[in-house]
Amino acid sequence: MGRAVIAPEDLVITRKGGSQGGVAFYATGKSGIKYWFGHVELAPAVGKKFRIGDKMAVISADHPRPHVHVGINVEGIWGAGKELLHHTNYTHGAPKVGIQLKAHAAKE
């Protein structure tokens, strides 16, 4: 609890939400990826912008096992031919999203 939740890329906060044990918020990244962050103390203001690496929030103490969830929705970038490698069974091994985005940007 209390650990920083940092911006994975330049992004803007689009709305606030709830989560059991803390609050949640949504954001859209410069890449077009949409994010959901759950189990945080306070949601940033809608419209607030963050740069990659900025502290956006802290992990809430309102959960028996404090942690943060980060959901990513890449449907907005698929139309640009930027489908990302992924796993659907929670196994590890796909390249990190940031690495894949940098590779796509280098091709443009």
PDB file of N, CA and C in Angstrom:
ATOM      1  N   MET A   1       0.834  -1.185   0.000  1.00  0.00           N
ATOM      2  CA  MET A   1       0.000   0.000   0.000  1.00  0.00           C
ATOM      3  C   MET A   1       0.875   1.243   0.000  1.00  0.00           C
ATOM      4  N   GLY A   2       0.355   2.290  -0.611  1.00  0.00           N
ATOM      5  CA  GLY A   2       1.096   3.539  -0.657  1.00  0.00           C
ATOM      6  C   GLY A   2       2.140   3.625  -1.746  1.00  0.00           C
ATOM      7  N   ARG A   3       2.400   2.529  -2.464  1.00  0.00           N
ATOM      8  CA  ARG A   3       3.386   2.574  -3.540  1.00  0.00           C
ATOM      9  C   ARG A   3       2.821   3.321  -4.731  1.00  0.00           C
ATOM     10  N   ALA A   4       3.698   3.962  -5.481  1.00  0.00           N
ATOM     11  CA  ALA A   4       3.295   4.776  -6.625  1.00  0.00           C
ATOM     12  C   ALA A   4       2.787   3.926  -7.781  1.00  0.00           C
ATOM     13  N   VAL A   5       1.770   4.443  -8.444  1.00  0.00           N
ATOM     14  CA  VAL A   5       1.283   3.903  -9.713  1.00  0.00           C
ATOM     15  C   VAL A   5       1.742   4.913 -10.761  1.00  0.00           C
ATOM     16  N   ILE A   6       2.610   4.468 -11.678  1.00  0.00           N
ATOM     17  CA  ILE A   6       3.200   5.405 -12.628  1.00  0.00           C
ATOM     18  C   ILE A   6       2.606   5.247 -14.026  1.00  0.00           C
ATOM     19  N   ALA A   7       2.674   6.308 -14.791  1.00  0.00           N
ATOM     20  CA  ALA A   7       2.129   6.319 -16.149  1.00  0.00           C
ATOM     21  C   ALA A   7       2.999   5.465 -17.066  1.00  0.00           C
ATOM     22  N   PRO A   8       2.392   4.490 -17.762  1.00  0.00           N
ATOM     23  CA  PRO A   8       3.153   3.647 -18.664  1.00  0.00           C
ATOM     24  C   PRO A   8       3.535   4.343 -19.969  1.00  0.00           C
ATOM     25  N   GLU A   9       2.872   5.441 -20.271  1.00  0.00           N
ATOM     26  CA  GLU A   9       3.156   6.259 -21.456  1.00  0.00           C
ATOM     27  C   GLU A   9       2.496   7.612 -21.215  1.00  0.00           C
ATOM     28  N   ASP A  10       2.696   8.565 -22.101  1.00  0.00           N
ATOM     29  CA  ASP A  10       1.983   9.837 -21.995  1.00  0.00           C
ATOM     30  C   ASP A  10       0.491   9.523 -22.131  1.00  0.00           C
ATOM     31  N   LEU A  11      -0.308  10.072 -21.216  1.00  0.00           N
ATOM     32  CA  LEU A  11      -1.739   9.764 -21.267  1.00  0.00           C
ATOM     33  C   LEU A  11      -2.559  10.855 -20.612  1.00  0.00           C
ATOM     34  N   VAL A  12      -3.873  10.753 -20.818  1.00  0.00           N
ATOM     35  CA  VAL A  12      -4.827  11.685 -20.213  1.00  0.00           C
ATOM     36  C   VAL A  12      -5.907  10.870 -19.507  1.00  0.00           C
ATOM     37  N   ILE A  13      -6.324  11.343 -18.334  1.00  0.00           N
ATOM     38  CA  ILE A  13      -7.366  10.680 -17.553  1.00  0.00           C
ATOM     39  C   ILE A  13      -8.716  10.982 -18.201  1.00  0.00           C
ATOM     40  N   THR A  14      -9.498   9.924 -18.458  1.00  0.00           N
ATOM     41  CA  THR A  14     -10.774  10.098 -19.157  1.00  0.00           C
ATOM     42  C   THR A  14     -11.996   9.958 -18.266  1.00  0.00           C
ATOM     43  N   ARG A  15     -11.887   9.198 -17.186  1.00  0.00           N
ATOM     44  CA  ARG A  15     -13.009   9.115 -16.247  1.00  0.00           C
ATOM     45  C   ARG A  15     -12.579   8.393 -14.983  1.00  0.00           C
ATOM     46  N   LYS A  16     -13.414   8.558 -13.953  1.00  0.00           N
ATOM     47  CA  LYS A  16     -13.173   7.897 -12.671  1.00  0.00           C
ATOM     48  C   LYS A  16     -14.148   6.734 -12.549  1.00  0.00           C
ATOM     49  N   GLY A  17     -13.791   5.765 -11.731  1.00  0.00           N
ATOM     50  CA  GLY A  17     -14.655   4.618 -11.517  1.00  0.00           C
ATOM     51  C   GLY A  17     -14.448   4.065 -10.124  1.00  0.00           C
ATOM     52  N   GLY A  18     -15.014   2.907  -9.890  1.00  0.00           N
ATOM     53  CA  GLY A  18     -14.878   2.276  -8.598  1.00  0.00           C
ATOM     54  C   GLY A  18     -14.207   0.921  -8.713  1.00  0.00           C
ATOM     55  N   SER A  19     -13.727   0.455  -7.587  1.00  0.00           N
ATOM     56  CA  SER A  19     -13.214  -0.909  -7.492  1.00  0.00           C
ATOM     57  C   SER A  19     -13.356  -1.317  -6.041  1.00  0.00           C
ATOM     58  N   GLN A  20     -13.552  -2.570  -5.803  1.00  0.00           N
ATOM     59  CA  GLN A  20     -13.677  -3.032  -4.427  1.00  0.00           C
ATOM     60  C   GLN A  20     -12.318  -2.912  -3.763  1.00  0.00           C
ATOM     61  N   GLY A  21     -12.217  -2.041  -2.802  1.00  0.00           N
ATOM     62  CA  GLY A  21     -10.939  -1.769  -2.157  1.00  0.00           C
ATOM     63  C   GLY A  21     -10.233  -0.636  -2.868  1.00  0.00           C
ATOM     64  N   GLY A  22     -10.672   0.577  -2.620  1.00  0.00           N
ATOM     65  CA  GLY A  22     -10.083   1.740  -3.281  1.00  0.00           C
ATOM     66  C   GLY A  22     -10.974   2.235  -4.403  1.00  0.00           C
ATOM     67  N   VAL A  23     -10.394   3.055  -5.264  1.00  0.00           N
ATOM     68  CA  VAL A  23     -11.119   3.597  -6.414  1.00  0.00           C
ATOM     69  C   VAL A  23     -10.367   3.213  -7.687  1.00  0.00           C
ATOM     70  N   ALA A  24     -10.937   3.594  -8.809  1.00  0.00           N
ATOM     71  CA  ALA A  24     -10.336   3.273 -10.097  1.00  0.00           C
ATOM     72  C   ALA A  24     -10.421   4.485 -11.015  1.00  0.00           C
ATOM     73  N   PHE A  25      -9.631   4.448 -12.083  1.00  0.00           N
ATOM     74  CA  PHE A  25      -9.727   5.488 -13.096  1.00  0.00           C
ATOM     75  C   PHE A  25      -9.329   4.932 -14.451  1.00  0.00           C
ATOM     76  N   TYR A  26      -9.765   5.637 -15.485  1.00  0.00           N
ATOM     77  CA  TYR A  26      -9.512   5.258 -16.871  1.00  0.00           C
ATOM     78  C   TYR A  26      -8.644   6.321 -17.523  1.00  0.00           C
ATOM     79  N   ALA A  27      -7.847   5.909 -18.496  1.00  0.00           N
ATOM     80  CA  ALA A  27      -6.982   6.848 -19.202  1.00  0.00           C
ATOM     81  C   ALA A  27      -6.790   6.378 -20.638  1.00  0.00           C
ATOM     82  N   THR A  28      -6.459   7.313 -21.516  1.00  0.00           N
ATOM     83  CA  THR A  28      -6.114   6.979 -22.896  1.00  0.00           C
ATOM     84  C   THR A  28      -4.699   7.462 -23.141  1.00  0.00           C
ATOM     85  N   GLY A  29      -3.876   6.545 -23.644  1.00  0.00           N
ATOM     86  CA  GLY A  29      -2.481   6.848 -23.904  1.00  0.00           C
ATOM     87  C   GLY A  29      -2.253   7.477 -25.266  1.00  0.00           C
ATOM     88  N   LYS A  30      -1.094   8.079 -25.422  1.00  0.00           N
ATOM     89  CA  LYS A  30      -0.679   8.692 -26.683  1.00  0.00           C
ATOM     90  C   LYS A  30      -0.749   7.677 -27.829  1.00  0.00           C
ATOM     91  N   SER A  31      -0.490   6.410 -27.510  1.00  0.00           N
ATOM     92  CA  SER A  31      -0.502   5.341 -28.506  1.00  0.00           C
ATOM     93  C   SER A  31      -1.906   4.993 -28.987  1.00  0.00           C
ATOM     94  N   GLY A  32      -2.940   5.377 -28.219  1.00  0.00           N
ATOM     95  CA  GLY A  32      -4.306   4.983 -28.514  1.00  0.00           C
ATOM     96  C   GLY A  32      -4.794   3.868 -27.598  1.00  0.00           C
ATOM     97  N   ILE A  33      -3.900   3.309 -26.797  1.00  0.00           N
ATOM     98  CA  ILE A  33      -4.288   2.281 -25.832  1.00  0.00           C
ATOM     99  C   ILE A  33      -5.125   2.922 -24.733  1.00  0.00           C
ATOM    100  N   LYS A  34      -6.189   2.207 -24.322  1.00  0.00           N
ATOM    101  CA  LYS A  34      -7.031   2.655 -23.210  1.00  0.00           C
ATOM    102  C   LYS A  34      -6.684   1.808 -21.990  1.00  0.00           C
ATOM    103  N   TYR A  35      -6.564   2.476 -20.842  1.00  0.00           N
ATOM    104  CA  TYR A  35      -6.139   1.828 -19.599  1.00  0.00           C
ATOM    105  C   TYR A  35      -7.211   1.936 -18.529  1.00  0.00           C
ATOM    106  N   TRP A  36      -7.208   0.970 -17.605  1.00  0.00           N
ATOM    107  CA  TRP A  36      -8.006   0.997 -16.393  1.00  0.00           C
ATOM    108  C   TRP A  36      -7.060   0.658 -15.248  1.00  0.00           C
ATOM    109  N   PHE A  37      -7.041   1.502 -14.207  1.00  0.00           N
ATOM    110  CA  PHE A  37      -6.210   1.289 -13.020  1.00  0.00           C
ATOM    111  C   PHE A  37      -7.145   1.153 -11.825  1.00  0.00           C
ATOM    112  N   GLY A  38      -7.038   0.051 -11.083  1.00  0.00           N
ATOM    113  CA  GLY A  38      -7.925  -0.185  -9.957  1.00  0.00           C
ATOM    114  C   GLY A  38      -7.193  -0.411  -8.654  1.00  0.00           C
ATOM    115  N   HIS A  39      -7.871  -0.148  -7.549  1.00  0.00           N
ATOM    116  CA  HIS A  39      -7.374  -0.286  -6.177  1.00  0.00           C
ATOM    117  C   HIS A  39      -6.370   0.814  -5.827  1.00  0.00           C
ATOM    118  N   VAL A  40      -6.706   2.056  -6.154  1.00  0.00           N
ATOM    119  CA  VAL A  40      -5.850   3.188  -5.796  1.00  0.00           C
ATOM    120  C   VAL A  40      -6.558   4.056  -4.761  1.00  0.00           C
ATOM    121  N   GLU A  41      -5.778   4.878  -4.053  1.00  0.00           N
ATOM    122  CA  GLU A  41      -6.326   5.763  -3.008  1.00  0.00           C
ATOM    123  C   GLU A  41      -7.255   6.825  -3.587  1.00  0.00           C
ATOM    124  N   LEU A  42      -6.756   7.614  -4.512  1.00  0.00           N
ATOM    125  CA  LEU A  42      -7.508   8.711  -5.116  1.00  0.00           C
ATOM    126  C   LEU A  42      -7.315   8.669  -6.629  1.00  0.00           C
ATOM    127  N   ALA A  43      -8.399   8.876  -7.355  1.00  0.00           N
ATOM    128  CA  ALA A  43      -8.300   8.943  -8.811  1.00  0.00           C
ATOM    129  C   ALA A  43      -7.896  10.356  -9.219  1.00  0.00           C
ATOM    130  N   PRO A  44      -7.000  10.490 -10.183  1.00  0.00           N
ATOM    131  CA  PRO A  44      -6.653  11.825 -10.677  1.00  0.00           C
ATOM    132  C   PRO A  44      -7.877  12.486 -11.321  1.00  0.00           C
ATOM    133  N   ALA A  45      -7.843  13.778 -11.444  1.00  0.00           N
ATOM    134  CA  ALA A  45      -8.939  14.528 -12.058  1.00  0.00           C
ATOM    135  C   ALA A  45      -9.084  14.174 -13.527  1.00  0.00           C
ATOM    136  N   VAL A  46     -10.334  14.088 -13.985  1.00  0.00           N
ATOM    137  CA  VAL A  46     -10.594  13.854 -15.397  1.00  0.00           C
ATOM    138  C   VAL A  46      -9.985  15.010 -16.192  1.00  0.00           C
ATOM    139  N   GLY A  47      -9.277  14.668 -17.257  1.00  0.00           N
ATOM    140  CA  GLY A  47      -8.612  15.666 -18.085  1.00  0.00           C
ATOM    141  C   GLY A  47      -7.150  15.884 -17.728  1.00  0.00           C
ATOM    142  N   LYS A  48      -6.732  15.414 -16.558  1.00  0.00           N
ATOM    143  CA  LYS A  48      -5.332  15.580 -16.146  1.00  0.00           C
ATOM    144  C   LYS A  48      -4.431  14.764 -17.068  1.00  0.00           C
ATOM    145  N   LYS A  49      -3.310  15.360 -17.435  1.00  0.00           N
ATOM    146  CA  LYS A  49      -2.348  14.703 -18.322  1.00  0.00           C
ATOM    147  C   LYS A  49      -1.108  14.299 -17.542  1.00  0.00           C
ATOM    148  N   PHE A  50      -0.562  13.162 -17.907  1.00  0.00           N
ATOM    149  CA  PHE A  50       0.662  12.657 -17.302  1.00  0.00           C
ATOM    150  C   PHE A  50       1.650  12.294 -18.399  1.00  0.00           C
ATOM    151  N   ARG A  51       2.916  12.445 -18.088  1.00  0.00           N
ATOM    152  CA  ARG A  51       3.999  12.015 -18.979  1.00  0.00           C
ATOM    153  C   ARG A  51       4.452  10.632 -18.520  1.00  0.00           C
ATOM    154  N   ILE A  52       5.033   9.878 -19.410  1.00  0.00           N
ATOM    155  CA  ILE A  52       5.530   8.559 -19.071  1.00  0.00           C
ATOM    156  C   ILE A  52       6.410   8.644 -17.823  1.00  0.00           C
ATOM    157  N   GLY A  53       6.157   7.757 -16.858  1.00  0.00           N
ATOM    158  CA  GLY A  53       6.931   7.720 -15.621  1.00  0.00           C
ATOM    159  C   GLY A  53       6.414   8.596 -14.504  1.00  0.00           C
ATOM    160  N   ASP A  54       5.444   9.488 -14.786  1.00  0.00           N
ATOM    161  CA  ASP A  54       4.876  10.342 -13.734  1.00  0.00           C
ATOM    162  C   ASP A  54       4.068   9.503 -12.743  1.00  0.00           C
ATOM    163  N   LYS A  55       4.093   9.916 -11.488  1.00  0.00           N
ATOM    164  CA  LYS A  55       3.259   9.288 -10.459  1.00  0.00           C
ATOM    165  C   LYS A  55       1.825   9.773 -10.645  1.00  0.00           C
ATOM    166  N   MET A  56       0.896   8.837 -10.856  1.00  0.00           N
ATOM    167  CA  MET A  56      -0.507   9.185 -11.064  1.00  0.00           C
ATOM    168  C   MET A  56      -1.347   8.992  -9.809  1.00  0.00           C
ATOM    169  N   ALA A  57      -0.987   7.995  -8.996  1.00  0.00           N
ATOM    170  CA  ALA A  57      -1.785   7.626  -7.830  1.00  0.00           C
ATOM    171  C   ALA A  57      -0.926   6.746  -6.933  1.00  0.00           C
ATOM    172  N   VAL A  58      -1.519   6.303  -5.818  1.00  0.00           N
ATOM    173  CA  VAL A  58      -0.853   5.332  -4.940  1.00  0.00           C
ATOM    174  C   VAL A  58      -1.809   4.172  -4.687  1.00  0.00           C
ATOM    175  N   ILE A  59      -1.246   3.007  -4.393  1.00  0.00           N
ATOM    176  CA  ILE A  59      -2.034   1.807  -4.137  1.00  0.00           C
ATOM    177  C   ILE A  59      -2.804   1.971  -2.830  1.00  0.00           C
ATOM    178  N   SER A  60      -4.078   1.634  -2.870  1.00  0.00           N
ATOM    179  CA  SER A  60      -4.980   1.790  -1.730  1.00  0.00           C
ATOM    180  C   SER A  60      -4.686   0.794  -0.607  1.00  0.00           C
ATOM    181  N   ALA A  61      -4.937   1.251   0.603  1.00  0.00           N
ATOM    182  CA  ALA A  61      -4.856   0.378   1.777  1.00  0.00           C
ATOM    183  C   ALA A  61      -6.212  -0.278   2.058  1.00  0.00           C
ATOM    184  N   ASP A  62      -7.250   0.069   1.262  1.00  0.00           N
ATOM    185  CA  ASP A  62      -8.606  -0.432   1.481  1.00  0.00           C
ATOM    186  C   ASP A  62      -8.836  -1.815   0.879  1.00  0.00           C
ATOM    187  N   HIS A  63      -7.832  -2.644   0.850  1.00  0.00           N
ATOM    188  CA  HIS A  63      -7.948  -4.007   0.334  1.00  0.00           C
ATOM    189  C   HIS A  63      -7.154  -4.909   1.273  1.00  0.00           C
ATOM    190  N   PRO A  64      -7.645  -6.110   1.561  1.00  0.00           N
ATOM    191  CA  PRO A  64      -6.901  -6.996   2.470  1.00  0.00           C
ATOM    192  C   PRO A  64      -5.474  -7.297   2.004  1.00  0.00           C
ATOM    193  N   ARG A  65      -5.271  -7.331   0.702  1.00  0.00           N
ATOM    194  CA  ARG A  65      -3.933  -7.550   0.126  1.00  0.00           C
ATOM    195  C   ARG A  65      -3.685  -6.439  -0.892  1.00  0.00           C
ATOM    196  N   PRO A  66      -3.187  -5.288  -0.453  1.00  0.00           N
ATOM    197  CA  PRO A  66      -3.021  -4.136  -1.351  1.00  0.00           C
ATOM    198  C   PRO A  66      -2.228  -4.491  -2.619  1.00  0.00           C
ATOM    199  N   HIS A  67      -2.785  -4.072  -3.737  1.00  0.00           N
ATOM    200  CA  HIS A  67      -2.179  -4.291  -5.049  1.00  0.00           C
ATOM    201  C   HIS A  67      -2.876  -3.354  -6.035  1.00  0.00           C
ATOM    202  N   VAL A  68      -2.406  -3.314  -7.261  1.00  0.00           N
ATOM    203  CA  VAL A  68      -3.049  -2.519  -8.302  1.00  0.00           C
ATOM    204  C   VAL A  68      -3.345  -3.425  -9.492  1.00  0.00           C
ATOM    205  N   HIS A  69      -4.466  -3.177 -10.131  1.00  0.00           N
ATOM    206  CA  HIS A  69      -4.803  -3.847 -11.386  1.00  0.00           C
ATOM    207  C   HIS A  69      -4.630  -2.835 -12.507  1.00  0.00           C
ATOM    208  N   VAL A  70      -4.090  -3.276 -13.619  1.00  0.00           N
ATOM    209  CA  VAL A  70      -3.973  -2.430 -14.801  1.00  0.00           C
ATOM    210  C   VAL A  70      -4.550  -3.215 -15.967  1.00  0.00           C
ATOM    211  N   GLY A  71      -5.638  -2.700 -16.517  1.00  0.00           N
ATOM    212  CA  GLY A  71      -6.223  -3.301 -17.706  1.00  0.00           C
ATOM    213  C   GLY A  71      -5.819  -2.486 -18.914  1.00  0.00           C
ATOM    214  N   ILE A  72      -5.524  -3.173 -20.016  1.00  0.00           N
ATOM    215  CA  ILE A  72      -5.202  -2.442 -21.243  1.00  0.00           C
ATOM    216  C   ILE A  72      -6.097  -2.939 -22.373  1.00  0.00           C
ATOM    217  N   ASN A  73      -6.618  -1.998 -23.141  1.00  0.00           N
ATOM    218  CA  ASN A  73      -7.468  -2.298 -24.282  1.00  0.00           C
ATOM    219  C   ASN A  73      -6.778  -1.722 -25.514  1.00  0.00           C
ATOM    220  N   VAL A  74      -6.346  -2.621 -26.408  1.00  0.00           N
ATOM    221  CA  VAL A  74      -5.574  -2.190 -27.588  1.00  0.00           C
ATOM    222  C   VAL A  74      -6.421  -2.139 -28.857  1.00  0.00           C
ATOM    223  N   GLU A  75      -7.739  -2.290 -28.727  1.00  0.00           N
ATOM    224  CA  GLU A  75      -8.594  -2.279 -29.920  1.00  0.00           C
ATOM    225  C   GLU A  75      -8.428  -1.006 -30.747  1.00  0.00           C
ATOM    226  N   GLY A  76      -8.158   0.113 -30.095  1.00  0.00           N
ATOM    227  CA  GLY A  76      -8.008   1.383 -30.802  1.00  0.00           C
ATOM    228  C   GLY A  76      -6.791   1.464 -31.706  1.00  0.00           C
ATOM    229  N   ILE A  77      -5.829   0.592 -31.507  1.00  0.00           N
ATOM    230  CA  ILE A  77      -4.635   0.635 -32.367  1.00  0.00           C
ATOM    231  C   ILE A  77      -4.613  -0.491 -33.398  1.00  0.00           C
ATOM    232  N   TRP A  78      -5.540  -1.454 -33.283  1.00  0.00           N
ATOM    233  CA  TRP A  78      -5.569  -2.558 -34.246  1.00  0.00           C
ATOM    234  C   TRP A  78      -5.796  -2.071 -35.664  1.00  0.00           C
ATOM    235  N   GLY A  79      -6.662  -1.079 -35.840  1.00  0.00           N
ATOM    236  CA  GLY A  79      -6.965  -0.556 -37.178  1.00  0.00           C
ATOM    237  C   GLY A  79      -5.751   0.024 -37.866  1.00  0.00           C
ATOM    238  N   ALA A  80      -4.751   0.397 -37.084  1.00  0.00           N
ATOM    239  CA  ALA A  80      -3.516   0.955 -37.650  1.00  0.00           C
ATOM    240  C   ALA A  80      -2.494  -0.155 -37.899  1.00  0.00           C
ATOM    241  N   GLY A  81      -2.943  -1.408 -37.826  1.00  0.00           N
ATOM    242  CA  GLY A  81      -2.039  -2.531 -38.070  1.00  0.00           C
ATOM    243  C   GLY A  81      -1.058  -2.772 -36.947  1.00  0.00           C
ATOM    244  N   LYS A  82      -1.426  -2.406 -35.742  1.00  0.00           N
ATOM    245  CA  LYS A  82      -0.521  -2.530 -34.603  1.00  0.00           C
ATOM    246  C   LYS A  82      -0.998  -3.576 -33.607  1.00  0.00           C
ATOM    247  N   GLU A  83      -1.440  -4.729 -34.097  1.00  0.00           N
ATOM    248  CA  GLU A  83      -1.846  -5.763 -33.152  1.00  0.00           C
ATOM    249  C   GLU A  83      -0.630  -6.168 -32.325  1.00  0.00           C
ATOM    250  N   LEU A  84      -0.826  -6.317 -31.021  1.00  0.00           N
ATOM    251  CA  LEU A  84       0.264  -6.660 -30.126  1.00  0.00           C
ATOM    252  C   LEU A  84       0.270  -8.150 -29.824  1.00  0.00           C
ATOM    253  N   LEU A  85       1.459  -8.696 -29.657  1.00  0.00           N
ATOM    254  CA  LEU A  85       1.581 -10.087 -29.246  1.00  0.00           C
ATOM    255  C   LEU A  85       1.081 -10.205 -27.819  1.00  0.00           C
ATOM    256  N   HIS A  86       0.391 -11.278 -27.524  1.00  0.00           N
ATOM    257  CA  HIS A  86      -0.189 -11.430 -26.200  1.00  0.00           C
ATOM    258  C   HIS A  86      -0.423 -12.900 -25.889  1.00  0.00           C
ATOM    259  N   HIS A  87      -0.754 -13.165 -24.656  1.00  0.00           N
ATOM    260  CA  HIS A  87      -1.156 -14.491 -24.201  1.00  0.00           C
ATOM    261  C   HIS A  87      -2.540 -14.352 -23.596  1.00  0.00           C
ATOM    262  N   THR A  88      -3.369 -15.357 -23.754  1.00  0.00           N
ATOM    263  CA  THR A  88      -4.712 -15.295 -23.189  1.00  0.00           C
ATOM    264  C   THR A  88      -4.867 -16.210 -21.980  1.00  0.00           C
ATOM    265  N   ASN A  89      -3.785 -16.845 -21.560  1.00  0.00           N
ATOM    266  CA  ASN A  89      -3.883 -17.790 -20.448  1.00  0.00           C
ATOM    267  C   ASN A  89      -3.023 -17.387 -19.251  1.00  0.00           C
ATOM    268  N   TYR A  90      -2.680 -16.125 -19.148  1.00  0.00           N
ATOM    269  CA  TYR A  90      -1.920 -15.570 -18.032  1.00  0.00           C
ATOM    270  C   TYR A  90      -0.495 -16.111 -17.922  1.00  0.00           C
ATOM    271  N   THR A  91       0.029 -16.654 -19.000  1.00  0.00           N
ATOM    272  CA  THR A  91       1.425 -17.070 -18.982  1.00  0.00           C
ATOM    273  C   THR A  91       2.292 -15.885 -19.395  1.00  0.00           C
ATOM    274  N   HIS A  92       3.552 -15.980 -19.063  1.00  0.00           N
ATOM    275  CA  HIS A  92       4.475 -14.897 -19.388  1.00  0.00           C
ATOM    276  C   HIS A  92       5.234 -15.240 -20.664  1.00  0.00           C
ATOM    277  N   GLY A  93       5.847 -14.248 -21.248  1.00  0.00           N
ATOM    278  CA  GLY A  93       6.680 -14.486 -22.411  1.00  0.00           C
ATOM    279  C   GLY A  93       6.422 -13.554 -23.575  1.00  0.00           C
ATOM    280  N   ALA A  94       5.248 -12.924 -23.649  1.00  0.00           N
ATOM    281  CA  ALA A  94       5.021 -11.964 -24.726  1.00  0.00           C
ATOM    282  C   ALA A  94       5.883 -10.737 -24.468  1.00  0.00           C
ATOM    283  N   PRO A  95       6.374 -10.084 -25.526  1.00  0.00           N
ATOM    284  CA  PRO A  95       7.172  -8.869 -25.301  1.00  0.00           C
ATOM    285  C   PRO A  95       6.361  -7.812 -24.564  1.00  0.00           C
ATOM    286  N   LYS A  96       7.026  -6.997 -23.767  1.00  0.00           N
ATOM    287  CA  LYS A  96       6.346  -5.931 -23.036  1.00  0.00           C
ATOM    288  C   LYS A  96       5.678  -4.981 -24.020  1.00  0.00           C
ATOM    289  N   VAL A  97       4.526  -4.439 -23.616  1.00  0.00           N
ATOM    290  CA  VAL A  97       3.754  -3.545 -24.470  1.00  0.00           C
ATOM    291  C   VAL A  97       4.607  -2.370 -24.939  1.00  0.00           C
ATOM    292  N   GLY A  98       5.363  -1.743 -24.034  1.00  0.00           N
ATOM    293  CA  GLY A  98       6.191  -0.594 -24.413  1.00  0.00           C
ATOM    294  C   GLY A  98       7.201  -0.926 -25.489  1.00  0.00           C
ATOM    295  N   ILE A  99       7.800  -2.087 -25.412  1.00  0.00           N
ATOM    296  CA  ILE A  99       8.767  -2.513 -26.429  1.00  0.00           C
ATOM    297  C   ILE A  99       8.074  -2.674 -27.784  1.00  0.00           C
ATOM    298  N   GLN A 100       6.887  -3.264 -27.772  1.00  0.00           N
ATOM    299  CA  GLN A 100       6.153  -3.449 -29.018  1.00  0.00           C
ATOM    300  C   GLN A 100       5.726  -2.104 -29.620  1.00  0.00           C
ATOM    301  N   LEU A 101       5.298  -1.154 -28.780  1.00  0.00           N
ATOM    302  CA  LEU A 101       4.901   0.158 -29.285  1.00  0.00           C
ATOM    303  C   LEU A 101       6.087   0.890 -29.914  1.00  0.00           C
ATOM    304  N   LYS A 102       7.261   0.785 -29.277  1.00  0.00           N
ATOM    305  CA  LYS A 102       8.451   1.417 -29.842  1.00  0.00           C
ATOM    306  C   LYS A 102       8.799   0.812 -31.185  1.00  0.00           C
ATOM    307  N   ALA A 103       8.653  -0.502 -31.320  1.00  0.00           N
ATOM    308  CA  ALA A 103       8.940  -1.165 -32.596  1.00  0.00           C
ATOM    309  C   ALA A 103       7.991  -0.697 -33.677  1.00  0.00           C
ATOM    310  N   HIS A 104       6.696  -0.546 -33.343  1.00  0.00           N
ATOM    311  CA  HIS A 104       5.719  -0.048 -34.322  1.00  0.00           C
ATOM    312  C   HIS A 104       6.047   1.394 -34.726  1.00  0.00           C
ATOM    313  N   ALA A 105       6.427   2.220 -33.749  1.00  0.00           N
ATOM    314  CA  ALA A 105       6.755   3.623 -34.039  1.00  0.00           C
ATOM    315  C   ALA A 105       7.968   3.718 -34.944  1.00  0.00           C
ATOM    316  N   ALA A 106       8.929   2.840 -34.782  1.00  0.00           N
ATOM    317  CA  ALA A 106      10.141   2.864 -35.608  1.00  0.00           C
ATOM    318  C   ALA A 106       9.830   2.526 -37.057  1.00  0.00           C
ATOM    319  N   LYS A 107       8.758   1.750 -37.288  1.00  0.00           N
ATOM    320  CA  LYS A 107       8.374   1.381 -38.656  1.00  0.00           C
ATOM    321  C   LYS A 107       7.645   2.497 -39.377  1.00  0.00           C
ATOM    322  N   GLU A 108       7.107   3.456 -38.610  1.00  0.00           N
ATOM    323  CA  GLU A 108       6.300   4.538 -39.201  1.00  0.00           C
ATOM    324  C   GLU A 108       7.149   5.624 -39.791  1.00  0.00           C
TER     325      GLU A 108
END
